[in-house]
C-alpha cells in the first residue's frame, strides 16, 4: 500500500478541515445579494435576480484574475504563508457578511474578498500538499484533500443555509468565520513549528 503519510500532511489537513467547516458554498452570495437588493421572498423580481447573478459572475472574474497573481507570487515565496493569508481573507469575508450582509456596498466588498480567498484556496491547497508528499503518494493525498474539503463544505453549507433560511444570516456567517479562524490559527501554529 505504500509508505504512510507524514505527520506534516495530517497537520495540514487538520487546518484544511477546520477552515472548510466555515467555507460554505459561495452561491449563497446570490441569495445574500438578492436580499440586499430588496427582493421580497418568493416573488423576486427577475431584474433583482439578474443583478445578483451578475455580482456572482463578478466574483468569479475576480477569482480568475487573483488566481494568476497568487500563483505567480507563490512561486517566489512560501506557499503555505500565502494560503494562510488567503484563509484570513476568507475569515474577513465571513465577518463582513455577518455584520453587514444586508448592505449592498459591504456585500460587494465581501464578494471581492471572497473571489481573492477562493483563488488562494484553490490554487495553493494542492500546491502545499504536493510539497508534503512524494510523487507516489500525491494522487491519494489529493483524494484526501478533496474528501476533507467536501465534508467541510457540506457541513458549512448545511448550517449556513439553514440559518439563512430561518432569517439568521449573521449568525450563520459569524459561525463560519469562527471555524475559519480556527483553521487559520491551526495553520499558523503548523507554519511556526516549521520555521
Foldseek 3Di string as FASTA:
>chain_A
DDDDFDPLLVLLLVLLLLLLLLVADPVCQLVLQLVLVPADPPPRDPVSSVVSVVLLVVLQVLLVVLLVVLLVVCVPDPLLVLLLVLLVLVLVLLQLCLPPSSHNVSSSVSSNSNSNSVSSVVNRVLVVSPVRDDPVCSVVSVVSSVVSSVVSHVNLNVVCVVCVVVVNNNVSSNVSSVSSVVSSVSSVVSVVVVD
